[in-house]
N, C-alpha and C. Protein backbone atom coordinates (compact mmCIF):
# COMPACT_ATOMS: atom_id res chain seq x y z
N MET A 1 1.34 -40.27 2.65
CA MET A 1 0.26 -40.67 3.53
C MET A 1 0.51 -42.12 3.95
N PRO A 2 0.40 -42.42 5.22
CA PRO A 2 0.65 -43.78 5.68
C PRO A 2 -0.34 -44.78 5.07
N PRO A 3 0.11 -46.00 4.80
CA PRO A 3 -0.76 -47.02 4.21
C PRO A 3 -2.00 -47.31 5.06
N SER A 4 -1.94 -47.02 6.34
CA SER A 4 -3.08 -47.31 7.21
C SER A 4 -4.25 -46.35 6.98
N ILE A 5 -4.01 -45.24 6.32
CA ILE A 5 -5.08 -44.28 6.05
C ILE A 5 -5.71 -44.64 4.72
N ARG A 6 -6.88 -45.22 4.78
CA ARG A 6 -7.60 -45.61 3.59
C ARG A 6 -9.07 -45.78 3.93
N PRO A 7 -9.95 -45.71 3.03
CA PRO A 7 -9.73 -45.53 1.60
C PRO A 7 -9.38 -44.08 1.29
N ARG A 8 -8.98 -43.86 0.05
CA ARG A 8 -8.59 -42.53 -0.38
C ARG A 8 -9.39 -42.14 -1.63
N LEU A 9 -9.65 -40.87 -1.75
CA LEU A 9 -10.31 -40.33 -2.93
C LEU A 9 -9.44 -39.20 -3.45
N SER A 10 -8.93 -39.37 -4.65
CA SER A 10 -8.06 -38.37 -5.25
C SER A 10 -8.87 -37.52 -6.22
N LEU A 11 -8.76 -36.21 -6.10
CA LEU A 11 -9.35 -35.26 -7.04
C LEU A 11 -8.20 -34.58 -7.75
N GLU A 12 -8.08 -34.80 -9.05
CA GLU A 12 -6.94 -34.29 -9.78
C GLU A 12 -7.38 -33.65 -11.08
N ALA A 13 -7.38 -32.33 -11.12
CA ALA A 13 -7.85 -31.62 -12.30
C ALA A 13 -6.85 -31.66 -13.45
N SER A 14 -5.61 -31.93 -13.19
CA SER A 14 -4.62 -31.94 -14.28
C SER A 14 -4.53 -33.28 -14.98
N GLY A 15 -5.14 -34.32 -14.44
CA GLY A 15 -5.11 -35.63 -15.09
C GLY A 15 -5.26 -36.73 -14.07
N SER A 16 -5.83 -37.84 -14.51
CA SER A 16 -6.04 -38.95 -13.58
C SER A 16 -4.89 -39.93 -13.57
N ILE A 17 -3.88 -39.70 -14.41
CA ILE A 17 -2.71 -40.56 -14.42
C ILE A 17 -1.69 -39.99 -13.45
N GLY A 18 -1.24 -40.78 -12.54
CA GLY A 18 -0.27 -40.34 -11.54
C GLY A 18 -0.73 -40.58 -10.12
N PRO A 19 -1.94 -40.11 -9.75
CA PRO A 19 -2.39 -40.30 -8.38
C PRO A 19 -2.55 -41.77 -7.99
N GLU A 20 -2.75 -42.65 -8.97
CA GLU A 20 -2.99 -44.05 -8.63
C GLU A 20 -1.81 -44.68 -7.87
N GLN A 21 -0.63 -44.11 -7.99
CA GLN A 21 0.50 -44.66 -7.24
C GLN A 21 0.34 -44.47 -5.73
N TYR A 22 -0.55 -43.57 -5.34
CA TYR A 22 -0.79 -43.33 -3.92
C TYR A 22 -2.07 -43.99 -3.41
N LEU A 23 -2.75 -44.71 -4.30
CA LEU A 23 -4.04 -45.29 -3.95
C LEU A 23 -3.95 -46.80 -3.89
N ASP A 24 -5.00 -47.42 -3.38
CA ASP A 24 -5.08 -48.88 -3.37
C ASP A 24 -6.41 -49.27 -4.00
N LEU A 25 -6.74 -50.54 -3.95
CA LEU A 25 -7.95 -51.03 -4.60
C LEU A 25 -9.23 -50.49 -3.96
N ASP A 26 -9.14 -49.99 -2.74
CA ASP A 26 -10.30 -49.44 -2.05
C ASP A 26 -10.51 -47.96 -2.34
N SER A 27 -9.71 -47.41 -3.22
CA SER A 27 -9.72 -45.97 -3.46
C SER A 27 -10.26 -45.64 -4.85
N ALA A 28 -10.38 -44.34 -5.14
CA ALA A 28 -10.89 -43.90 -6.45
C ALA A 28 -10.24 -42.58 -6.83
N VAL A 29 -10.29 -42.29 -8.13
CA VAL A 29 -9.77 -41.04 -8.67
C VAL A 29 -10.87 -40.35 -9.46
N ILE A 30 -11.06 -39.08 -9.21
CA ILE A 30 -11.88 -38.24 -10.06
C ILE A 30 -10.91 -37.30 -10.74
N GLY A 31 -10.82 -37.39 -12.07
CA GLY A 31 -9.85 -36.56 -12.76
C GLY A 31 -10.09 -36.49 -14.25
N MET A 32 -9.32 -35.66 -14.90
CA MET A 32 -9.38 -35.53 -16.34
C MET A 32 -8.99 -36.86 -16.97
N THR A 33 -9.72 -37.27 -17.99
CA THR A 33 -9.44 -38.55 -18.63
C THR A 33 -8.96 -38.39 -20.07
N CYS A 34 -8.76 -37.14 -20.48
CA CYS A 34 -8.22 -36.89 -21.82
C CYS A 34 -7.44 -35.58 -21.77
N TYR A 35 -6.76 -35.32 -22.83
CA TYR A 35 -5.95 -34.11 -22.89
C TYR A 35 -6.62 -33.09 -23.81
N GLY A 36 -6.64 -31.85 -23.41
CA GLY A 36 -7.07 -30.78 -24.29
C GLY A 36 -8.55 -30.43 -24.25
N ALA A 37 -9.23 -30.71 -23.16
CA ALA A 37 -10.63 -30.31 -23.06
C ALA A 37 -10.71 -28.79 -23.08
N SER A 38 -11.63 -28.29 -23.87
CA SER A 38 -11.74 -26.85 -24.01
C SER A 38 -13.21 -26.43 -23.92
N ALA A 39 -13.50 -25.59 -22.97
CA ALA A 39 -14.84 -25.04 -22.77
C ALA A 39 -14.74 -24.07 -21.61
N GLN A 40 -15.86 -23.48 -21.23
CA GLN A 40 -15.88 -22.65 -20.04
C GLN A 40 -15.49 -23.54 -18.86
N GLY A 41 -14.75 -22.97 -17.93
CA GLY A 41 -14.23 -23.74 -16.80
C GLY A 41 -15.29 -24.57 -16.08
N ALA A 42 -16.43 -23.96 -15.81
CA ALA A 42 -17.48 -24.67 -15.08
C ALA A 42 -17.99 -25.88 -15.87
N ARG A 43 -18.09 -25.75 -17.18
CA ARG A 43 -18.55 -26.87 -18.01
C ARG A 43 -17.55 -28.03 -18.00
N VAL A 44 -16.27 -27.70 -18.06
CA VAL A 44 -15.25 -28.75 -18.03
C VAL A 44 -15.27 -29.47 -16.69
N LEU A 45 -15.41 -28.72 -15.62
CA LEU A 45 -15.44 -29.34 -14.29
C LEU A 45 -16.62 -30.31 -14.16
N VAL A 46 -17.78 -29.91 -14.64
CA VAL A 46 -18.95 -30.79 -14.60
C VAL A 46 -18.71 -32.02 -15.47
N ARG A 47 -18.17 -31.82 -16.66
CA ARG A 47 -17.93 -32.92 -17.61
C ARG A 47 -17.07 -34.02 -17.00
N PHE A 48 -16.10 -33.65 -16.20
CA PHE A 48 -15.18 -34.62 -15.62
C PHE A 48 -15.51 -34.99 -14.17
N GLY A 49 -16.66 -34.59 -13.70
CA GLY A 49 -17.12 -35.05 -12.39
C GLY A 49 -16.69 -34.24 -11.20
N PHE A 50 -16.20 -33.04 -11.43
CA PHE A 50 -15.77 -32.19 -10.31
C PHE A 50 -16.93 -31.39 -9.75
N THR A 51 -17.93 -32.11 -9.27
CA THR A 51 -19.07 -31.46 -8.62
C THR A 51 -19.17 -32.00 -7.20
N ALA A 52 -19.75 -31.22 -6.33
CA ALA A 52 -19.93 -31.68 -4.95
C ALA A 52 -20.72 -32.97 -4.91
N GLU A 53 -21.74 -33.06 -5.75
CA GLU A 53 -22.59 -34.26 -5.77
C GLU A 53 -21.80 -35.50 -6.18
N ASN A 54 -20.97 -35.37 -7.22
CA ASN A 54 -20.21 -36.53 -7.68
C ASN A 54 -19.14 -36.94 -6.67
N VAL A 55 -18.48 -35.96 -6.07
CA VAL A 55 -17.47 -36.27 -5.05
C VAL A 55 -18.13 -37.00 -3.88
N GLN A 56 -19.27 -36.50 -3.44
CA GLN A 56 -19.98 -37.14 -2.33
C GLN A 56 -20.41 -38.56 -2.73
N CYS A 57 -20.98 -38.72 -3.90
CA CYS A 57 -21.44 -40.02 -4.36
C CYS A 57 -20.28 -41.02 -4.46
N THR A 58 -19.16 -40.57 -5.01
CA THR A 58 -17.99 -41.44 -5.14
C THR A 58 -17.45 -41.83 -3.77
N ALA A 59 -17.36 -40.88 -2.87
CA ALA A 59 -16.86 -41.17 -1.51
C ALA A 59 -17.77 -42.16 -0.80
N LEU A 60 -19.07 -41.94 -0.90
CA LEU A 60 -20.02 -42.86 -0.25
C LEU A 60 -19.95 -44.25 -0.88
N SER A 61 -19.74 -44.31 -2.18
CA SER A 61 -19.62 -45.59 -2.87
C SER A 61 -18.40 -46.38 -2.38
N ILE A 62 -17.30 -45.68 -2.20
CA ILE A 62 -16.09 -46.32 -1.68
C ILE A 62 -16.35 -46.87 -0.28
N LEU A 63 -16.95 -46.05 0.57
CA LEU A 63 -17.23 -46.49 1.95
C LEU A 63 -18.21 -47.67 1.97
N GLU A 64 -19.19 -47.65 1.09
CA GLU A 64 -20.17 -48.74 1.03
C GLU A 64 -19.50 -50.06 0.63
N ARG A 65 -18.55 -50.01 -0.28
CA ARG A 65 -17.84 -51.23 -0.70
C ARG A 65 -17.06 -51.86 0.45
N LEU A 66 -16.65 -51.05 1.41
CA LEU A 66 -15.84 -51.55 2.53
C LEU A 66 -16.67 -52.12 3.66
N ARG A 67 -17.97 -51.96 3.60
CA ARG A 67 -18.83 -52.49 4.67
C ARG A 67 -18.93 -53.97 4.61
């Protein structure tokens, strides 16, 4: 992705380590923060912020910081 496209929001279910190489200080990552979470899929997704509400809130927060 060209550097001119920012801010960025990375959603990474396999882990939050790695995507940061493609992000800058104006960006954010929603991702797993530990290894080995075990529960029903929907519960794990909620636990780590993979909800429409959290994605929207995080995106709006990034945009608000840039104003």
